[in-house]
N, C-alpha and C. Protein backbone atom coordinates (compact mmCIF):
# COMPACT_ATOMS: atom_id res chain seq x y z
N MET A 1 98.46 95.67 68.94
CA MET A 1 97.34 94.80 69.31
C MET A 1 96.26 95.76 69.77
N SER A 2 94.98 95.39 69.43
CA SER A 2 93.83 96.19 69.80
C SER A 2 93.30 95.81 71.16
N ASN A 3 92.41 96.59 71.73
CA ASN A 3 91.72 96.29 73.04
C ASN A 3 90.43 95.50 72.93
N LEU A 4 90.22 94.84 71.62
CA LEU A 4 88.86 94.21 71.38
C LEU A 4 88.50 93.23 72.47
N GLY A 5 89.49 92.50 73.05
CA GLY A 5 89.11 91.50 74.03
C GLY A 5 88.72 91.96 75.33
N LEU A 6 88.90 93.32 75.56
CA LEU A 6 88.49 93.90 76.86
C LEU A 6 87.04 94.46 76.82
N ILE A 7 86.36 94.35 75.66
CA ILE A 7 85.00 94.90 75.53
C ILE A 7 84.00 93.91 76.08
N GLN A 8 83.18 94.39 77.05
CA GLN A 8 82.14 93.58 77.45
C GLN A 8 80.75 94.06 77.04
N PRO A 9 79.84 93.07 76.57
CA PRO A 9 78.55 93.61 76.06
C PRO A 9 77.80 94.41 77.05
N GLN A 10 77.15 95.44 76.63
CA GLN A 10 76.15 96.22 77.47
C GLN A 10 74.88 96.35 76.72
N ARG A 11 73.86 96.35 77.63
CA ARG A 11 72.51 96.52 76.99
C ARG A 11 72.14 98.01 76.99
N GLN A 12 71.57 98.41 75.82
CA GLN A 12 71.14 99.90 75.59
C GLN A 12 69.95 99.77 74.58
N ASP A 13 68.75 100.31 75.09
CA ASP A 13 67.68 100.34 74.26
C ASP A 13 67.57 101.77 73.76
N PHE A 14 66.82 101.85 72.54
CA PHE A 14 66.73 103.16 71.93
C PHE A 14 65.28 103.39 71.48
N THR A 15 64.85 104.69 71.30
CA THR A 15 63.55 104.99 70.60
C THR A 15 64.05 105.94 69.51
N THR A 16 63.67 105.56 68.25
CA THR A 16 64.05 106.40 67.11
C THR A 16 62.71 106.74 66.35
N CYS A 17 63.00 107.77 65.46
CA CYS A 17 61.82 108.32 64.73
C CYS A 17 62.18 108.44 63.09
N GLN A 18 61.12 108.19 62.33
CA GLN A 18 61.34 108.36 60.92
C GLN A 18 61.66 109.78 60.48
N LEU A 19 61.23 110.73 61.26
CA LEU A 19 61.40 112.08 60.77
C LEU A 19 62.63 112.80 61.27
N THR A 20 63.46 112.10 62.07
CA THR A 20 64.64 112.90 62.61
C THR A 20 65.96 111.99 62.41
N ASP A 21 67.09 112.71 62.42
CA ASP A 21 68.41 112.04 62.35
C ASP A 21 68.40 111.16 63.72
N TRP A 22 69.24 110.09 63.62
CA TRP A 22 69.40 109.32 64.86
C TRP A 22 70.85 109.70 65.31
N LEU A 23 70.88 110.50 66.36
CA LEU A 23 72.13 110.99 66.95
C LEU A 23 72.42 110.56 68.34
N ASP A 24 71.91 109.44 68.79
CA ASP A 24 72.05 109.11 70.12
C ASP A 24 73.54 108.67 70.37
N GLY A 25 74.07 109.08 71.60
CA GLY A 25 75.36 108.62 72.00
C GLY A 25 75.12 107.30 72.86
N LEU A 26 76.13 106.40 72.96
CA LEU A 26 76.00 105.32 73.74
C LEU A 26 76.94 105.44 75.01
N PRO A 27 76.68 104.68 76.00
CA PRO A 27 77.56 104.70 77.22
C PRO A 27 78.99 104.48 76.79
N VAL A 28 79.89 105.14 77.54
CA VAL A 28 81.33 104.98 77.32
C VAL A 28 81.74 103.49 77.44
N ILE A 29 82.54 103.01 76.52
CA ILE A 29 83.10 101.68 76.58
C ILE A 29 84.40 101.78 77.57
N ALA A 30 84.25 101.11 78.67
CA ALA A 30 85.24 101.37 79.66
C ALA A 30 85.75 100.03 80.29
N VAL A 31 86.84 100.17 81.03
CA VAL A 31 87.41 99.03 81.81
C VAL A 31 87.60 99.61 83.25
N PRO A 32 87.62 98.78 84.18
CA PRO A 32 87.85 99.31 85.60
C PRO A 32 89.25 99.79 85.76
N GLY A 33 89.40 100.93 86.43
CA GLY A 33 90.69 101.52 86.76
C GLY A 33 90.79 101.99 88.21
N PRO A 34 91.90 102.35 88.68
CA PRO A 34 92.08 102.81 90.11
C PRO A 34 91.21 103.98 90.34
N GLY A 35 90.34 104.03 91.37
CA GLY A 35 89.54 105.11 91.64
C GLY A 35 90.03 105.96 92.87
N GLY A 36 91.06 105.35 93.58
CA GLY A 36 91.60 106.04 94.76
C GLY A 36 91.27 105.32 96.08
N ALA A 37 91.76 105.85 97.17
CA ALA A 37 91.54 105.32 98.46
C ALA A 37 91.41 106.28 99.49
N ILE A 38 90.65 105.99 100.59
CA ILE A 38 90.44 107.02 101.63
C ILE A 38 90.40 106.25 102.98
N PRO A 39 91.19 106.88 104.01
CA PRO A 39 91.15 106.17 105.26
C PRO A 39 89.92 106.35 106.03
N GLY A 40 89.58 105.54 107.03
CA GLY A 40 88.33 105.71 107.80
C GLY A 40 88.57 107.00 108.70
N GLY A 41 87.40 107.60 109.00
CA GLY A 41 87.44 108.86 109.74
C GLY A 41 87.79 108.63 111.18
N ALA A 42 87.62 107.38 111.73
CA ALA A 42 87.86 107.10 113.12
C ALA A 42 89.24 106.34 113.32
N ASN A 43 90.01 106.28 112.28
CA ASN A 43 91.37 105.57 112.34
C ASN A 43 92.24 106.10 113.43
N VAL A 44 92.97 105.23 114.04
CA VAL A 44 93.89 105.59 115.08
C VAL A 44 95.21 105.89 114.43
N GLY A 45 95.72 104.90 113.60
CA GLY A 45 97.03 105.07 112.89
C GLY A 45 96.89 105.71 111.41
N ARG A 46 98.07 105.87 110.87
CA ARG A 46 98.13 106.38 109.55
C ARG A 46 98.94 105.47 108.63
N ALA A 47 98.59 105.35 107.35
CA ALA A 47 99.20 104.50 106.42
C ALA A 47 98.92 104.99 105.02
N SER A 48 99.75 104.64 104.01
CA SER A 48 99.63 104.99 102.72
C SER A 48 99.15 103.82 101.92
N LEU A 49 98.01 103.95 101.14
CA LEU A 49 97.56 102.93 100.32
C LEU A 49 97.76 103.18 98.90
N THR A 50 98.40 102.25 98.16
CA THR A 50 98.69 102.45 96.73
C THR A 50 98.00 101.30 96.01
N VAL A 51 97.21 101.65 94.95
CA VAL A 51 96.71 100.63 94.08
C VAL A 51 97.72 100.29 93.00
N LEU A 52 98.12 98.97 93.03
CA LEU A 52 99.12 98.53 92.08
C LEU A 52 98.55 98.05 90.69
N GLY A 53 97.39 97.69 90.63
CA GLY A 53 96.82 97.16 89.43
C GLY A 53 95.28 96.79 89.57
N VAL A 54 94.57 96.89 88.46
CA VAL A 54 93.14 96.55 88.44
C VAL A 54 92.87 95.63 87.25
N ASP A 55 92.44 94.48 87.44
CA ASP A 55 92.14 93.45 86.46
C ASP A 55 90.86 93.92 85.65
N ALA A 56 90.80 93.45 84.44
CA ALA A 56 89.58 93.73 83.61
C ALA A 56 88.29 93.35 84.15
N GLY A 57 88.48 92.19 84.91
CA GLY A 57 87.22 91.59 85.55
C GLY A 57 86.70 92.30 86.74
N ALA A 58 87.39 93.26 87.27
CA ALA A 58 86.95 93.90 88.56
C ALA A 58 85.73 94.73 88.26
N ASP A 59 85.04 95.18 89.33
CA ASP A 59 83.82 95.98 89.22
C ASP A 59 84.23 97.27 88.50
N LEU A 60 83.38 97.68 87.61
CA LEU A 60 83.62 98.98 86.88
C LEU A 60 83.63 100.17 87.89
N ALA A 61 82.78 100.07 88.87
CA ALA A 61 82.64 101.08 89.88
C ALA A 61 82.21 100.43 91.27
N GLY A 62 83.32 100.00 91.96
CA GLY A 62 83.13 99.26 93.15
C GLY A 62 83.91 99.76 94.21
N VAL A 63 83.58 99.43 95.46
CA VAL A 63 84.30 99.76 96.67
C VAL A 63 84.53 98.61 97.53
N GLN A 64 85.75 98.55 98.10
CA GLN A 64 86.14 97.41 99.02
C GLN A 64 86.73 98.09 100.22
N ILE A 65 86.57 97.50 101.32
CA ILE A 65 87.00 97.96 102.66
C ILE A 65 88.20 97.13 103.25
N ALA A 66 89.34 97.68 103.38
CA ALA A 66 90.49 96.95 104.01
C ALA A 66 90.45 97.31 105.48
N THR A 67 90.38 96.27 106.34
CA THR A 67 90.37 96.55 107.79
C THR A 67 91.32 95.82 108.58
N VAL A 68 92.01 96.47 109.46
CA VAL A 68 92.99 95.93 110.36
C VAL A 68 92.34 94.91 111.21
N GLN A 69 92.60 93.55 110.96
CA GLN A 69 91.87 92.54 111.78
C GLN A 69 92.69 92.22 113.03
N ALA A 70 93.99 92.22 112.92
CA ALA A 70 94.76 91.69 114.15
C ALA A 70 96.19 92.31 113.91
N ILE A 71 96.96 92.35 114.98
CA ILE A 71 98.35 92.66 114.96
C ILE A 71 99.08 91.59 115.84
N SER A 72 99.92 90.76 115.18
CA SER A 72 100.52 89.60 115.73
C SER A 72 101.86 89.37 115.17
N GLY A 73 102.82 89.06 116.13
CA GLY A 73 104.14 88.73 115.61
C GLY A 73 104.88 89.88 114.86
N GLY A 74 104.42 91.10 115.10
CA GLY A 74 105.06 92.12 114.34
C GLY A 74 104.41 92.33 113.03
N GLN A 75 103.36 91.63 112.66
CA GLN A 75 102.61 91.80 111.40
C GLN A 75 101.26 92.35 111.64
N THR A 76 100.92 93.32 110.74
CA THR A 76 99.53 93.94 110.85
C THR A 76 98.70 93.24 109.80
N ILE A 77 97.73 92.44 110.20
CA ILE A 77 96.86 91.62 109.34
C ILE A 77 95.67 92.27 108.89
N LEU A 78 95.40 92.26 107.56
CA LEU A 78 94.19 92.96 106.92
C LEU A 78 93.25 91.90 106.39
N THR A 79 91.99 92.23 106.56
CA THR A 79 90.95 91.60 105.84
C THR A 79 90.15 92.61 105.01
N VAL A 80 89.97 92.15 103.69
CA VAL A 80 89.21 93.00 102.79
C VAL A 80 87.85 92.49 102.49
N THR A 81 86.83 93.35 102.57
CA THR A 81 85.49 92.92 102.31
C THR A 81 84.87 93.83 101.29
N ASP A 82 83.71 93.45 100.58
CA ASP A 82 82.99 94.22 99.73
C ASP A 82 81.92 94.97 100.61
N LEU A 83 81.08 95.69 100.02
CA LEU A 83 80.14 96.53 100.76
C LEU A 83 78.89 95.59 101.32
N ASP A 84 78.87 94.39 100.85
CA ASP A 84 77.93 93.39 101.44
C ASP A 84 78.58 92.67 102.60
N GLY A 85 79.87 92.86 102.85
CA GLY A 85 80.51 92.19 103.97
C GLY A 85 81.18 90.95 103.60
N ASP A 86 81.15 90.49 102.34
CA ASP A 86 81.80 89.27 101.99
C ASP A 86 83.26 89.48 101.86
N VAL A 87 84.06 88.61 102.32
CA VAL A 87 85.48 88.63 102.30
C VAL A 87 86.00 88.44 100.85
N THR A 88 86.82 89.39 100.35
CA THR A 88 87.39 89.29 99.05
C THR A 88 88.85 89.14 99.02
N GLY A 89 89.53 89.31 100.13
CA GLY A 89 91.03 89.18 100.24
C GLY A 89 91.52 89.32 101.55
N GLN A 90 92.80 88.85 101.83
CA GLN A 90 93.41 88.96 103.06
C GLN A 90 94.83 89.13 102.79
N GLY A 91 95.55 89.75 103.75
CA GLY A 91 97.08 90.07 103.61
C GLY A 91 97.61 90.73 104.83
N VAL A 92 98.85 91.27 104.57
CA VAL A 92 99.52 92.00 105.68
C VAL A 92 100.00 93.33 105.12
N VAL A 93 100.11 94.26 106.03
CA VAL A 93 100.63 95.59 105.71
C VAL A 93 102.06 95.44 105.15
N GLY A 94 102.36 96.22 104.07
CA GLY A 94 103.66 96.14 103.56
C GLY A 94 103.78 95.26 102.38
N LEU A 95 102.90 94.39 102.16
CA LEU A 95 102.92 93.39 101.03
C LEU A 95 101.68 93.50 100.15
N PRO A 96 101.83 93.21 98.86
CA PRO A 96 100.61 93.31 97.88
C PRO A 96 99.48 92.43 98.28
N ILE A 97 98.38 92.94 98.18
CA ILE A 97 97.12 92.15 98.52
C ILE A 97 96.21 92.19 97.31
N TYR A 98 95.68 91.03 96.94
CA TYR A 98 94.80 90.88 95.70
C TYR A 98 93.42 90.70 96.41
N ALA A 99 92.43 91.48 95.90
CA ALA A 99 91.09 91.36 96.33
C ALA A 99 90.14 91.64 95.22
N ALA A 100 89.37 90.79 94.80
CA ALA A 100 88.35 90.92 93.79
C ALA A 100 88.86 91.76 92.60
N GLY A 101 89.99 91.39 92.02
CA GLY A 101 90.43 92.02 90.84
C GLY A 101 91.35 93.31 91.03
N VAL A 102 91.52 93.70 92.36
CA VAL A 102 92.27 94.92 92.68
C VAL A 102 93.52 94.43 93.51
N THR A 103 94.73 94.80 93.02
CA THR A 103 95.85 94.67 93.86
C THR A 103 96.37 95.93 94.48
N PHE A 104 96.59 95.99 95.76
CA PHE A 104 97.02 97.18 96.41
C PHE A 104 97.98 96.77 97.54
N ARG A 105 98.67 97.82 98.02
CA ARG A 105 99.57 97.69 99.22
C ARG A 105 99.37 98.84 100.15
N LEU A 106 99.36 98.44 101.37
CA LEU A 106 99.20 99.43 102.51
C LEU A 106 100.49 99.54 103.26
N ASP A 107 101.13 100.73 103.21
CA ASP A 107 102.40 100.83 103.85
C ASP A 107 102.33 101.84 105.04
N PRO A 108 103.03 101.54 106.11
CA PRO A 108 103.12 102.44 107.26
C PRO A 108 103.92 103.71 106.92
N ILE A 109 103.59 104.78 107.49
CA ILE A 109 104.30 106.02 107.23
C ILE A 109 105.17 106.39 108.33
N ALA A 110 106.52 106.51 108.03
CA ALA A 110 107.53 106.74 109.05
C ALA A 110 107.16 107.97 109.83
N GLY A 111 107.30 107.78 111.26
CA GLY A 111 107.07 108.87 112.10
C GLY A 111 105.71 109.13 112.46
N GLN A 112 104.71 108.34 111.84
CA GLN A 112 103.23 108.53 112.15
C GLN A 112 102.78 107.35 113.02
N THR A 113 101.65 107.63 113.68
CA THR A 113 101.13 106.55 114.61
C THR A 113 100.83 105.34 113.86
N ALA A 114 101.26 104.10 114.52
CA ALA A 114 101.07 102.85 113.85
C ALA A 114 99.55 102.45 113.79
N LEU A 115 99.21 101.69 112.85
CA LEU A 115 97.77 101.26 112.61
C LEU A 115 97.36 100.31 113.89
N ALA A 116 96.06 100.57 114.05
CA ALA A 116 95.50 99.77 115.21
C ALA A 116 94.36 98.84 114.67
N VAL A 117 94.01 97.92 115.45
CA VAL A 117 92.90 96.95 115.13
C VAL A 117 91.69 97.80 114.99
N GLY A 118 90.94 97.57 113.78
CA GLY A 118 89.72 98.32 113.53
C GLY A 118 89.94 99.50 112.54
N ASP A 119 91.18 99.91 112.41
CA ASP A 119 91.37 100.95 111.32
C ASP A 119 90.95 100.42 109.99
N THR A 120 90.31 101.26 109.09
CA THR A 120 89.91 100.88 107.82
C THR A 120 90.41 101.77 106.72
N PHE A 121 90.41 101.31 105.52
CA PHE A 121 90.60 102.02 104.30
C PHE A 121 89.66 101.59 103.15
N ALA A 122 89.11 102.56 102.53
CA ALA A 122 88.20 102.25 101.44
C ALA A 122 89.06 102.41 100.15
N VAL A 123 88.89 101.33 99.31
CA VAL A 123 89.56 101.18 97.96
C VAL A 123 88.52 101.21 96.88
N ALA A 124 88.59 102.14 95.92
CA ALA A 124 87.55 102.25 94.89
C ALA A 124 88.11 101.90 93.52
N THR A 125 87.30 101.52 92.74
CA THR A 125 87.54 101.40 91.22
C THR A 125 86.51 102.26 90.49
N LEU A 126 87.02 102.83 89.42
CA LEU A 126 86.11 103.66 88.58
C LEU A 126 86.28 103.30 87.04
N PRO A 127 85.24 103.43 86.30
CA PRO A 127 85.38 103.22 84.85
C PRO A 127 86.41 104.06 84.18
N THR A 128 87.31 103.55 83.44
CA THR A 128 88.22 104.20 82.70
C THR A 128 88.09 104.01 81.12
N PRO A 129 87.93 105.05 80.40
CA PRO A 129 87.52 104.88 78.99
C PRO A 129 88.56 103.96 78.26
N LEU A 130 88.03 102.96 77.50
CA LEU A 130 88.93 102.08 76.78
C LEU A 130 89.44 102.71 75.39
N ASP A 131 90.66 102.59 75.12
CA ASP A 131 91.27 103.14 73.85
C ASP A 131 90.66 102.19 72.74
N LEU A 132 89.90 102.81 71.81
CA LEU A 132 89.22 102.08 70.76
C LEU A 132 89.99 102.16 69.34
N THR A 133 91.22 102.70 69.43
CA THR A 133 92.00 102.82 68.29
C THR A 133 92.10 101.56 67.42
N GLY A 134 91.96 101.65 66.15
CA GLY A 134 92.06 100.49 65.28
C GLY A 134 90.80 99.64 65.10
N LEU A 135 89.78 99.96 65.97
CA LEU A 135 88.46 99.19 65.90
C LEU A 135 87.37 99.84 65.03
N THR A 136 86.54 99.02 64.50
CA THR A 136 85.40 99.51 63.70
C THR A 136 84.17 99.02 64.37
N PHE A 137 83.08 99.64 64.15
CA PHE A 137 81.80 99.31 64.76
C PHE A 137 80.72 99.22 63.69
N THR A 138 79.80 98.22 63.83
CA THR A 138 78.81 97.96 62.94
C THR A 138 77.51 97.67 63.67
N LEU A 139 76.38 98.23 63.35
CA LEU A 139 75.15 97.90 63.95
C LEU A 139 74.29 97.11 62.97
N ASP A 140 73.79 96.01 63.37
CA ASP A 140 72.73 95.27 62.53
C ASP A 140 71.56 95.08 63.41
N SER A 141 70.42 95.69 62.87
CA SER A 141 69.08 95.56 63.42
C SER A 141 68.20 94.64 62.53
N ARG A 142 67.60 93.64 63.13
CA ARG A 142 66.81 92.67 62.35
C ARG A 142 65.38 93.01 62.60
N LEU A 143 64.45 92.39 61.69
CA LEU A 143 63.04 92.56 61.80
C LEU A 143 62.49 91.83 63.09
N SER A 144 63.17 90.87 63.43
CA SER A 144 62.98 90.03 64.57
C SER A 144 64.22 89.23 64.99
N ALA A 145 64.25 88.59 66.19
CA ALA A 145 65.31 87.88 66.64
C ALA A 145 65.64 86.60 65.71
N ASN A 146 64.67 86.19 65.00
CA ASN A 146 64.79 85.03 64.15
C ASN A 146 64.83 85.32 62.70
N SER A 147 64.91 86.65 62.34
CA SER A 147 64.83 87.14 60.97
C SER A 147 66.17 87.35 60.37
N ALA A 148 66.41 87.06 59.11
CA ALA A 148 67.56 87.31 58.43
C ALA A 148 67.44 88.61 57.66
N THR A 149 66.39 89.23 57.76
CA THR A 149 66.15 90.56 57.09
C THR A 149 66.53 91.72 58.00
N TYR A 150 67.26 92.65 57.44
CA TYR A 150 67.67 93.74 58.26
C TYR A 150 66.56 94.88 58.28
N ALA A 151 66.36 95.42 59.39
CA ALA A 151 65.54 96.61 59.64
C ALA A 151 66.38 97.84 59.38
N LEU A 152 67.68 97.76 59.87
CA LEU A 152 68.44 99.00 59.82
C LEU A 152 69.98 98.49 59.99
N GLN A 153 70.85 99.24 59.23
CA GLN A 153 72.30 98.98 59.47
C GLN A 153 73.01 100.27 59.59
N ALA A 154 74.23 100.29 60.23
CA ALA A 154 75.03 101.43 60.36
C ALA A 154 76.36 100.92 60.59
N THR A 155 77.40 101.77 60.23
CA THR A 155 78.73 101.34 60.38
C THR A 155 79.72 102.59 60.55
N SER A 156 80.83 102.46 61.22
CA SER A 156 81.88 103.42 61.36
C SER A 156 82.91 103.40 60.25
N ALA A 157 82.83 102.36 59.42
CA ALA A 157 83.73 102.19 58.33
C ALA A 157 83.08 101.85 57.08
N PRO A 158 82.36 102.61 56.45
CA PRO A 158 81.75 102.22 55.10
C PRO A 158 82.78 101.92 54.10
N VAL A 159 82.50 100.98 53.29
CA VAL A 159 83.41 100.58 52.17
C VAL A 159 83.05 101.18 50.83
N ASP A 160 81.93 101.88 50.74
CA ASP A 160 81.47 102.46 49.46
C ASP A 160 81.85 103.89 49.36
N GLY A 161 82.52 104.51 50.23
CA GLY A 161 82.86 105.88 50.22
C GLY A 161 81.83 106.77 50.81
N SER A 162 80.74 106.32 51.38
CA SER A 162 79.70 107.12 51.99
C SER A 162 80.13 107.46 53.39
N ALA A 163 79.37 108.41 53.93
CA ALA A 163 79.75 108.92 55.31
C ALA A 163 79.44 107.89 56.37
N ALA A 164 80.31 107.79 57.42
CA ALA A 164 80.11 106.92 58.48
C ALA A 164 78.82 107.19 59.21
N THR A 165 78.13 106.22 59.61
CA THR A 165 76.83 106.40 60.38
C THR A 165 77.05 105.93 61.84
N ILE A 166 78.22 105.64 62.22
CA ILE A 166 78.59 105.53 63.61
C ILE A 166 79.80 106.36 63.86
N ALA A 167 79.74 107.29 64.76
CA ALA A 167 80.93 108.13 65.01
C ALA A 167 81.73 107.44 66.22
N VAL A 168 83.05 107.60 66.10
CA VAL A 168 83.87 106.93 67.18
C VAL A 168 84.86 108.02 67.72
N ASP A 169 84.91 108.11 69.02
CA ASP A 169 85.85 108.92 69.74
C ASP A 169 86.86 107.86 70.42
N ALA A 170 87.94 107.57 69.65
CA ALA A 170 88.80 106.39 69.92
C ALA A 170 89.40 106.62 71.31
N SER A 171 89.90 107.78 71.64
CA SER A 171 90.65 108.06 72.90
C SER A 171 89.76 108.06 74.11
N GLY A 172 88.48 108.49 73.84
CA GLY A 172 87.58 108.61 74.91
C GLY A 172 86.63 107.52 75.16
N GLY A 173 86.71 106.37 74.33
CA GLY A 173 85.94 105.21 74.57
C GLY A 173 84.54 105.40 74.21
N GLY A 174 84.22 106.39 73.42
CA GLY A 174 82.86 106.70 73.04
C GLY A 174 82.50 106.45 71.59
N ILE A 175 81.29 105.94 71.34
CA ILE A 175 80.58 105.90 70.06
C ILE A 175 79.29 106.51 70.09
N ALA A 176 78.82 106.93 68.85
CA ALA A 176 77.50 107.59 68.86
C ALA A 176 76.89 107.28 67.48
N MET A 177 75.57 107.10 67.45
CA MET A 177 74.82 106.93 66.20
C MET A 177 74.78 108.27 65.39
N ASN A 178 74.98 108.14 64.14
CA ASN A 178 75.01 109.36 63.22
C ASN A 178 74.24 109.01 61.90
N VAL A 179 73.08 108.50 62.10
CA VAL A 179 72.30 108.01 60.88
C VAL A 179 71.28 109.11 60.49
N PRO A 180 71.45 109.50 59.22
CA PRO A 180 70.61 110.57 58.73
C PRO A 180 69.13 110.27 58.56
N ARG A 181 68.29 111.26 58.63
CA ARG A 181 66.84 111.02 58.69
C ARG A 181 66.35 110.28 57.29
N ALA A 182 67.13 110.51 56.22
CA ALA A 182 66.75 109.92 55.03
C ALA A 182 66.81 108.37 55.11
N THR A 183 67.80 107.84 56.00
CA THR A 183 67.93 106.40 56.19
C THR A 183 66.72 106.01 57.16
N MET A 184 66.55 106.87 58.18
CA MET A 184 65.55 106.50 59.17
C MET A 184 64.11 106.44 58.43
N ALA A 185 63.91 107.29 57.35
CA ALA A 185 62.58 107.29 56.71
C ALA A 185 62.34 105.96 56.09
N ARG A 186 63.48 105.36 55.68
CA ARG A 186 63.30 103.94 55.00
C ARG A 186 63.04 102.87 55.89
N CYS A 187 63.22 103.05 57.20
CA CYS A 187 63.01 102.03 58.31
C CYS A 187 61.55 102.00 58.61
N ALA A 188 60.87 100.96 58.35
CA ALA A 188 59.42 100.90 58.64
C ALA A 188 59.07 100.96 60.14
N PRO A 189 58.14 101.82 60.55
CA PRO A 189 57.77 101.88 61.92
C PRO A 189 57.07 100.48 62.21
N SER A 190 57.17 100.13 63.58
CA SER A 190 56.64 98.85 63.95
C SER A 190 56.00 99.04 65.41
N SER A 191 55.09 98.22 65.57
CA SER A 191 54.44 98.19 66.97
C SER A 191 55.30 97.39 67.91
N SER A 192 56.25 96.57 67.37
CA SER A 192 57.08 95.84 68.25
C SER A 192 58.52 96.46 67.93
N ALA A 193 59.44 96.14 69.02
CA ALA A 193 60.82 96.65 68.87
C ALA A 193 61.72 95.85 67.96
N TYR A 194 62.62 96.49 67.31
CA TYR A 194 63.60 95.66 66.52
C TYR A 194 64.78 95.33 67.36
N PRO A 195 65.16 94.03 67.46
CA PRO A 195 66.34 93.69 68.14
C PRO A 195 67.60 94.09 67.40
N TYR A 196 68.74 94.43 68.09
CA TYR A 196 69.98 94.82 67.36
C TYR A 196 71.14 94.35 68.14
N ASN A 197 72.23 94.20 67.42
CA ASN A 197 73.60 93.92 68.04
C ASN A 197 74.44 94.91 67.38
N LEU A 198 75.30 95.66 68.24
CA LEU A 198 76.34 96.51 67.74
C LEU A 198 77.71 95.96 67.96
N PHE A 199 78.42 95.56 66.87
CA PHE A 199 79.61 94.83 66.92
C PHE A 199 80.83 95.79 66.97
N ALA A 200 81.83 95.34 67.63
CA ALA A 200 83.17 95.93 67.48
C ALA A 200 84.02 94.95 66.80
N ALA A 201 84.86 95.35 65.93
CA ALA A 201 85.67 94.43 65.16
C ALA A 201 87.16 94.99 65.02
N ASP A 202 88.09 94.07 64.92
CA ASP A 202 89.49 94.36 64.64
C ASP A 202 89.74 93.90 63.24
N PRO A 203 89.86 94.90 62.31
CA PRO A 203 90.15 94.57 60.84
C PRO A 203 91.40 93.81 60.66
N ALA A 204 92.39 93.99 61.61
CA ALA A 204 93.71 93.42 61.45
C ALA A 204 93.60 91.86 61.68
N THR A 205 92.56 91.33 62.53
CA THR A 205 92.45 90.03 62.72
C THR A 205 91.15 89.41 62.19
N GLY A 206 90.23 90.25 61.91
CA GLY A 206 88.90 89.76 61.53
C GLY A 206 88.01 89.37 62.73
N GLN A 207 88.50 89.41 63.87
CA GLN A 207 87.70 89.04 65.12
C GLN A 207 86.72 90.18 65.39
N ARG A 208 85.62 89.90 65.97
CA ARG A 208 84.66 90.86 66.43
C ARG A 208 83.83 90.35 67.68
N VAL A 209 83.36 91.24 68.46
CA VAL A 209 82.58 90.97 69.69
C VAL A 209 81.38 91.93 69.72
N ILE A 210 80.44 91.55 70.51
CA ILE A 210 79.23 92.52 70.76
C ILE A 210 79.63 93.46 71.80
N ALA A 211 79.47 94.73 71.41
CA ALA A 211 79.74 95.83 72.37
C ALA A 211 78.45 96.33 73.02
N PHE A 212 77.33 96.35 72.24
CA PHE A 212 76.00 96.70 72.71
C PHE A 212 74.97 95.85 72.07
N TYR A 213 73.88 95.66 72.74
CA TYR A 213 72.72 94.93 72.26
C TYR A 213 71.46 95.54 72.88
N GLY A 214 70.32 95.21 72.31
CA GLY A 214 69.08 95.70 72.86
C GLY A 214 67.99 95.82 71.87
N LEU A 215 67.12 96.73 72.04
CA LEU A 215 65.86 96.87 71.24
C LEU A 215 65.72 98.34 70.71
N ILE A 216 65.35 98.47 69.52
CA ILE A 216 65.05 99.75 68.94
C ILE A 216 63.62 99.89 68.68
N THR A 217 62.93 100.82 69.41
CA THR A 217 61.49 101.12 69.18
C THR A 217 61.46 102.27 68.11
N HIS A 218 60.98 101.91 66.87
CA HIS A 218 61.06 102.91 65.85
C HIS A 218 59.65 103.42 65.52
N GLN A 219 59.40 104.74 65.59
CA GLN A 219 57.99 105.38 65.34
C GLN A 219 58.12 106.26 64.09
N ALA A 220 56.83 106.43 63.58
CA ALA A 220 56.66 107.35 62.47
C ALA A 220 56.75 108.74 63.03
N VAL A 221 56.05 108.96 64.17
CA VAL A 221 56.09 110.34 64.74
C VAL A 221 56.48 110.14 66.19
N LEU A 222 57.43 110.82 66.72
CA LEU A 222 57.94 110.59 68.04
C LEU A 222 56.87 110.98 69.10
N LEU A 223 56.40 110.21 69.93
CA LEU A 223 55.36 110.50 70.94
C LEU A 223 55.98 110.50 72.18
N PRO A 224 55.51 111.30 73.24
CA PRO A 224 56.04 111.29 74.60
C PRO A 224 55.65 109.99 75.29
N SER A 225 56.58 109.48 76.08
CA SER A 225 56.14 108.26 76.82
C SER A 225 55.00 108.61 77.80
N THR A 226 54.21 107.58 78.14
CA THR A 226 53.18 107.78 79.13
C THR A 226 53.42 107.10 80.37
């Protein structure tokens, strides 16, 4: 089974030129993964924080703060907040806590000072490249948002035996445009930008989603921005 359903659309605009190959890379297609944890510098006690899982809907690069809110009845109670101070989860030391797509557990360390009220731990998520194995990518750029006429097309899986015009790094979650200047020369320059969608597809199921979208500003001669 492919990872097609984990791809979320990203906006990426381009400036291209009739005279050059189009070799732009796109941002890595990623999902949130565990980024680690660090205790607060003023902590009294010590504990070990383990990230047990990260949902696809968690922030790609986010930080949450787990704070010891109270100690009562032998339980150390935690409140988790985001950087805006909004509460994202609650729980106790020694049991899994779910907070904004991240599941983690804070465990005491034998022989070390127990946690105290006010002790904090930062829990981070980081983008993890998505495995693109088995997926194909196609770019359709139209003359306008309401036009059925293509301004430019590119694909990672041509069916006519020609070279791919989208390169794919399946294990690294990366794709890049690889459109030769002969093709770019056929694309008419325009004073307005061409809208595009770049689709990811699973040939095994026929399903596809939008991986990137945006505008392509195409020029006859590439001029520096002002």
